[in-house]
Protein backbone atom coordinates (compact mmCIF):
# COMPACT_ATOMS: atom_id res chain seq x y z
CA UNK A 1 0.00 0.00 0.00
CA UNK A 2 1.51 3.37 -0.97
CA UNK A 3 2.47 5.56 1.99
CA UNK A 4 2.21 9.33 2.04
CA UNK A 5 2.54 11.95 4.74
CA UNK A 6 -1.25 12.16 4.87
CA UNK A 7 -3.52 9.09 4.80
CA UNK A 8 -5.86 9.20 1.80
CA UNK A 9 -9.13 7.24 1.84
CA UNK A 10 -11.97 6.99 -0.68
CA UNK A 11 -15.42 5.72 0.20
CA UNK A 12 -17.66 4.49 -2.60
CA UNK A 13 -21.06 4.17 -1.04
CA UNK A 14 -24.30 5.51 0.30
CA UNK A 15 -25.44 8.84 1.70
CA UNK A 16 -28.80 9.02 3.46
CA UNK A 17 -30.90 11.15 5.71
CA UNK A 18 -31.70 9.27 8.93
CA UNK A 19 -35.14 9.67 10.50
CA UNK A 20 -35.00 8.15 13.96
CA UNK A 21 -37.74 7.40 16.49
CA UNK A 22 -36.82 6.52 20.07
CA UNK A 23 -39.22 4.50 22.25
CA UNK A 24 -38.79 2.34 25.33
CA UNK A 25 -40.58 -0.55 23.60
CA UNK A 26 -41.02 -0.92 19.84
CA UNK A 27 -44.51 -1.75 18.52
CA UNK A 28 -45.50 -5.14 17.22
CA UNK A 29 -47.61 -5.62 14.06
CA UNK A 30 -50.78 -3.56 14.25
CA UNK A 31 -49.76 -1.84 17.49
CA UNK A 32 -49.38 1.91 18.04
CA UNK A 33 -47.19 3.20 20.87
CA UNK A 34 -46.08 6.64 22.01
CA UNK A 35 -42.40 7.36 21.46
CA UNK A 36 -39.98 9.53 23.40
CA UNK A 37 -38.15 11.46 20.68
CA UNK A 38 -37.88 11.93 16.90
CA UNK A 39 -34.75 13.23 15.20
CA UNK A 40 -33.31 13.66 11.73
CA UNK A 41 -29.60 13.30 11.09
CA UNK A 42 -26.95 12.51 8.52
CA UNK A 43 -26.38 8.84 7.76
CA UNK A 44 -25.86 6.20 5.12
CA UNK A 45 -23.16 3.64 5.71
CA UNK A 46 -20.79 5.15 3.17
CA UNK A 47 -21.17 8.70 4.45
CA UNK A 48 -20.86 7.55 8.06
CA UNK A 49 -17.59 5.75 7.33
CA UNK A 50 -16.26 8.72 5.39
CA UNK A 51 -17.02 11.15 8.20
CA UNK A 52 -15.41 8.94 10.83
CA UNK A 53 -12.29 8.40 8.71
CA UNK A 54 -12.03 12.18 8.32
CA UNK A 55 -12.44 12.70 12.06
CA UNK A 56 -9.66 10.16 12.55
CA UNK A 57 -7.22 12.27 10.53
CA UNK A 58 -7.52 10.93 6.97
CA UNK A 59 -8.04 12.96 3.82
CA UNK A 60 -11.33 11.49 2.62
CA UNK A 61 -13.11 11.50 -0.73
CA UNK A 62 -16.77 10.47 -0.97
CA UNK A 63 -17.96 8.81 -4.19
CA UNK A 64 -21.74 8.54 -4.50
CA UNK A 65 -24.98 10.30 -5.41
CA UNK A 66 -27.72 12.32 -3.76
CA UNK A 67 -31.03 13.66 -5.02
CA UNK A 68 -31.77 17.17 -6.26
CA UNK A 69 -33.74 17.92 -3.10
CA UNK A 70 -33.39 19.50 0.33
CA UNK A 71 -31.91 16.34 1.89
CA UNK A 72 -29.30 16.12 -0.85
CA UNK A 73 -28.24 19.74 -0.36
CA UNK A 74 -28.00 19.25 3.40
CA UNK A 75 -25.86 16.13 2.94
CA UNK A 76 -23.45 17.98 0.62
CA UNK A 77 -23.20 20.85 3.10
CA UNK A 78 -22.49 18.33 5.86
CA UNK A 79 -19.63 16.80 3.88
CA UNK A 80 -18.08 20.26 3.63
CA UNK A 81 -18.51 20.82 7.36
CA UNK A 82 -16.96 17.41 8.12
CA UNK A 83 -13.92 17.95 5.84
CA UNK A 84 -15.00 15.22 3.41
CA UNK A 85 -14.32 15.99 -0.25
CA UNK A 86 -17.62 15.56 -2.14
CA UNK A 87 -16.29 16.41 -5.62
CA UNK A 88 -17.32 12.90 -6.75
CA UNK A 89 -20.85 13.01 -5.31
CA UNK A 90 -23.25 13.43 -8.24
CA UNK A 91 -26.83 14.68 -8.39
CA UNK A 92 -29.53 12.18 -9.37
CA UNK A 93 -33.06 12.59 -10.65
CA UNK A 94 -34.02 10.07 -7.94
CA UNK A 95 -34.72 11.23 -4.41
CA UNK A 96 -31.97 11.23 -1.79
CA UNK A 97 -31.81 7.96 0.12
CA UNK A 98 -33.47 7.79 3.53
CA UNK A 99 -33.27 5.47 6.52
CA UNK A 100 -36.17 4.95 8.91
CA UNK A 101 -34.74 3.91 12.28
CA UNK A 102 -36.44 2.69 15.44
CA UNK A 103 -34.38 2.57 18.64
CA UNK A 104 -35.62 0.86 21.80
CA UNK A 105 -34.84 1.54 25.45
CA UNK A 106 -31.80 -0.75 25.38
CA UNK A 107 -30.25 1.11 22.46
CA UNK A 108 -30.95 -1.65 19.93
CA UNK A 109 -32.20 -0.57 16.53
CA UNK A 110 -34.33 -1.69 13.60
CA UNK A 111 -33.75 0.04 10.28
CA UNK A 112 -35.51 0.19 6.91
CA UNK A 113 -33.60 1.97 4.14
CA UNK A 114 -34.90 3.37 0.86
CA UNK A 115 -31.76 3.71 -1.33
CA UNK A 116 -33.11 6.21 -3.89
CA UNK A 117 -30.20 8.06 -5.52
CA UNK A 118 -27.70 5.60 -4.02
CA UNK A 119 -28.80 3.05 -6.64
CA UNK A 120 -28.09 5.55 -9.42
CA UNK A 121 -24.30 5.70 -9.02
CA UNK A 122 -22.61 5.20 -12.40
CA UNK A 123 -19.87 2.55 -12.70
CA UNK A 124 -17.69 4.67 -15.00
CA UNK A 125 -17.91 7.69 -12.72
CA UNK A 126 -16.83 5.59 -9.72
CA UNK A 127 -13.90 4.06 -11.61
CA UNK A 128 -12.76 7.44 -12.93
CA UNK A 129 -12.89 8.83 -9.41
CA UNK A 130 -10.74 6.01 -8.04
CA UNK A 131 -8.24 6.49 -10.84
CA UNK A 132 -8.01 10.26 -10.40
CA UNK A 133 -7.45 10.62 -6.63
CA UNK A 134 -3.78 11.31 -5.92
CA UNK A 135 -1.90 9.12 -3.42
CA UNK A 136 -4.98 7.00 -2.73
CA UNK A 137 -4.34 4.23 -0.18
CA UNK A 138 -7.66 2.80 1.03
CA UNK A 139 -11.01 2.25 -0.71
CA UNK A 140 -14.06 1.34 1.39
CA UNK A 141 -17.31 -0.17 0.14
CA UNK A 142 -20.60 -1.48 1.57
CA UNK A 143 -23.84 -3.01 0.27
CA UNK A 144 -26.17 0.00 0.22
CA UNK A 145 -25.24 0.68 -3.42
CA UNK A 146 -25.25 -1.65 -6.41
CA UNK A 147 -22.64 -4.36 -6.05
CA UNK A 148 -21.46 -3.87 -9.63
CA UNK A 149 -20.32 -0.34 -8.72
CA UNK A 150 -18.38 -1.55 -5.68
CA UNK A 151 -16.79 -4.33 -7.74
CA UNK A 152 -15.62 -1.96 -10.47
CA UNK A 153 -14.28 0.53 -7.90
CA UNK A 154 -12.40 -2.23 -6.04
CA UNK A 155 -10.93 -3.59 -9.27
CA UNK A 156 -9.69 -0.11 -10.14
CA UNK A 157 -8.34 0.29 -6.61
CA UNK A 158 -6.42 -3.00 -6.74
CA UNK A 159 -4.91 -2.07 -10.10
CA UNK A 160 -3.46 0.98 -8.33
CA UNK A 161 -2.13 -1.05 -5.42
CA UNK A 162 -4.71 0.23 -2.92
CA UNK A 163 -6.09 -1.71 0.03
CA UNK A 164 -9.82 -2.46 -0.10
CA UNK A 165 -12.23 -2.79 2.83
CA UNK A 166 -15.70 -4.27 2.35
CA UNK A 167 -18.43 -3.93 4.94
CA UNK A 168 -21.07 -6.46 3.74
CA UNK A 169 -24.02 -4.56 5.16
CA UNK A 170 -26.90 -4.69 4.78
CA UNK A 171 -26.30 -8.34 3.90
CA UNK A 172 -26.63 -9.53 0.34
CA UNK A 173 -24.94 -12.49 -1.41
CA UNK A 174 -21.42 -11.45 -2.39
CA UNK A 175 -19.97 -12.37 -5.78
CA UNK A 176 -16.73 -14.32 -5.93
CA UNK A 177 -15.35 -11.51 -8.09
CA UNK A 178 -15.94 -8.96 -5.36
CA UNK A 179 -14.49 -11.16 -2.63
CA UNK A 180 -11.40 -11.73 -4.78
CA UNK A 181 -10.58 -8.00 -4.75
CA UNK A 182 -11.49 -7.48 -1.07
CA UNK A 183 -8.49 -7.26 1.26
CA UNK A 184 -10.41 -6.75 4.50
CA UNK A 185 -13.91 -8.18 4.96
CA UNK A 186 -15.58 -6.64 8.03
CA UNK A 187 -19.04 -8.08 8.87
CA UNK A 188 -20.87 -8.01 12.18
CA UNK A 189 -22.04 -11.20 13.88
CA UNK A 190 -25.29 -11.46 11.92
CA UNK A 191 -23.64 -10.80 8.56
CA UNK A 192 -20.89 -13.32 9.35
CA UNK A 193 -23.51 -16.02 9.91
CA UNK A 194 -25.25 -15.11 6.66
CA UNK A 195 -21.98 -15.23 4.69
CA UNK A 196 -20.67 -18.45 6.27
CA UNK A 197 -21.47 -21.45 4.03
CA UNK A 198 -22.80 -23.37 7.05
CA UNK A 199 -24.38 -20.24 8.58
CA UNK A 200 -22.27 -20.66 11.70
CA UNK A 201 -22.20 -17.96 14.36
CA UNK A 202 -18.72 -16.47 15.03
CA UNK A 203 -18.62 -18.07 18.46
CA UNK A 204 -14.95 -19.08 18.51
CA UNK A 205 -11.63 -18.46 16.78
CA UNK A 206 -11.82 -21.65 14.72
CA UNK A 207 -15.12 -20.69 13.13
CA UNK A 208 -13.98 -17.13 12.45
CA UNK A 209 -10.72 -18.37 10.89
CA UNK A 210 -12.60 -20.81 8.67
CA UNK A 211 -14.45 -18.18 6.63
CA UNK A 212 -11.51 -16.73 4.65
CA UNK A 213 -8.38 -18.86 5.01
CA UNK A 214 -5.37 -16.90 3.83
CA UNK A 215 -7.31 -13.63 3.72
CA UNK A 216 -8.05 -10.95 6.30
CA UNK A 217 -11.32 -10.66 8.19
CA UNK A 218 -12.61 -8.73 11.17
CA UNK A 219 -15.88 -9.58 12.92
CA UNK A 220 -17.38 -6.86 15.06
CA UNK A 221 -18.98 -8.38 18.14
CA UNK A 222 -20.93 -5.53 19.71
CA UNK A 223 -20.23 -5.13 23.42
CA UNK A 224 -17.71 -8.01 23.19
CA UNK A 225 -15.40 -6.00 20.94
CA UNK A 226 -14.01 -7.50 17.74
CA UNK A 227 -12.00 -10.46 16.44
CA UNK A 228 -9.46 -10.22 13.64
CA UNK A 229 -7.74 -12.88 11.53
CA UNK A 230 -4.96 -11.61 9.26
CA UNK A 231 -3.80 -13.14 5.98
CA UNK A 232 -1.18 -15.20 7.84
CA UNK A 233 -3.84 -16.76 10.07
CA UNK A 234 -2.88 -14.81 13.20
CA UNK A 235 -5.84 -14.15 15.49
CA UNK A 236 -6.28 -10.99 17.54
CA UNK A 237 -9.11 -9.92 19.80
CA UNK A 238 -9.94 -6.45 21.06
CA UNK A 239 -12.29 -5.80 23.94
CA UNK A 240 -14.83 -3.01 24.06
CA UNK A 241 -14.95 -0.66 27.05
CA UNK A 242 -17.96 -1.23 29.28
CA UNK A 243 -20.50 1.49 28.50
CA UNK A 244 -24.22 2.15 28.84
CA UNK A 245 -25.62 1.91 25.31
CA UNK A 246 -28.15 4.54 24.26
CA UNK A 247 -28.16 4.07 20.47
CA UNK A 248 -26.11 1.59 18.44
CA UNK A 249 -26.96 3.20 15.08
CA UNK A 250 -23.82 3.64 12.99
CA UNK A 251 -21.46 2.02 15.49
CA UNK A 252 -20.13 -0.43 12.91
CA UNK A 253 -19.49 2.44 10.50
CA UNK A 254 -17.63 4.29 13.24
CA UNK A 255 -15.45 1.20 13.69
CA UNK A 256 -14.68 0.87 9.97
CA UNK A 257 -13.90 4.55 9.41
CA UNK A 258 -11.51 4.51 12.35
CA UNK A 259 -9.85 1.28 11.21
CA UNK A 260 -9.34 2.56 7.66
CA UNK A 261 -7.77 5.80 8.86
CA UNK A 262 -5.64 3.87 11.34
CA UNK A 263 -4.05 1.44 8.91
CA UNK A 264 -3.64 4.10 6.23
CA UNK A 265 -1.70 6.25 8.70
CA UNK A 266 0.73 3.40 9.42
CA UNK A 267 -0.83 1.73 12.47
CA UNK A 268 -0.45 -2.01 12.82
CA UNK A 269 -3.85 -3.66 12.22
CA UNK A 270 -4.10 -4.88 15.82
CA UNK A 271 -3.50 -1.32 17.07
CA UNK A 272 -6.15 0.02 14.70
CA UNK A 273 -8.48 -2.74 15.90
CA UNK A 274 -8.21 -1.59 19.51
CA UNK A 275 -8.69 2.06 18.63
CA UNK A 276 -11.74 1.22 16.50
CA UNK A 277 -13.38 -0.66 19.37
CA UNK A 278 -12.83 2.30 21.69
CA UNK A 279 -14.34 4.79 19.24
CA UNK A 280 -17.33 2.55 18.47
CA UNK A 281 -17.99 2.14 22.22
CA UNK A 282 -18.09 5.91 22.63
CA UNK A 283 -20.53 6.21 19.72
CA UNK A 284 -23.17 3.94 21.29
CA UNK A 285 -23.37 6.21 24.34
CA UNK A 286 -24.75 9.02 22.16
CA UNK A 287 -27.81 9.38 19.95
CA UNK A 288 -27.62 9.17 16.15
CA UNK A 289 -25.01 7.99 13.70
CA UNK A 290 -22.53 10.70 12.68
CA UNK A 291 -23.73 12.90 15.54
CA UNK A 292 -22.45 10.24 17.98
CA UNK A 293 -18.92 9.95 16.59
CA UNK A 294 -15.92 11.06 18.65
């Protein structure tokens, strides 16, 4: 991976407006309950990861699309405020993506996303962006945009010698072509089980190591921290500080943005792993996604 005096990260992915409802208990089918609070905030897995990487000291470029509407304008303004370069964020005729989020009294969430403009990102535009960013080191992708766009961006990144990080969320079947150009696969526990051919839960080191022999993987484990297996088969675990969770929205994105900035700045992966767990733990003690990031 090329090294420069300043870590350079590109995120090809989603930008959304989060609409979050907080309630002690979430309603079941056909039930209406009174909630405690409603908020709007900036989200989308790609944008979240970009913002956290920027807060962690990286020079970050966002590659994506928003709608020609009030949410899209607000998202672009937010990128400017967060020191994320949005030169490669296009304007779509489709509406800006939105996420409807319910958070219960224990801080656990349920989310429905409507991708909108995020599914209008052009493959050629993404590839041209990857090829044009000077001193690029890390490219991050997720599954809130079309997989063909992520694949093309990762292929372009690998041809430049960049390191690629794939967060397979929300889960969808991953092509062998995409996995072949993914250096770091970072699922959570649920996504790990969905990806594993036998749908095994990441309950021990042997199971975690079995998913990608000879390739790197990190599994985020919520309050239990994270487990990492590098390409040599070495296993590392990082614990999460004990905190009182208020809202877990975006915690995984916080982890990934921190990790990307860490390794691009020269940290050893196990050091970046520990830092990422600490930052993600802080984020769950605050409401929202980007608004909760340290």
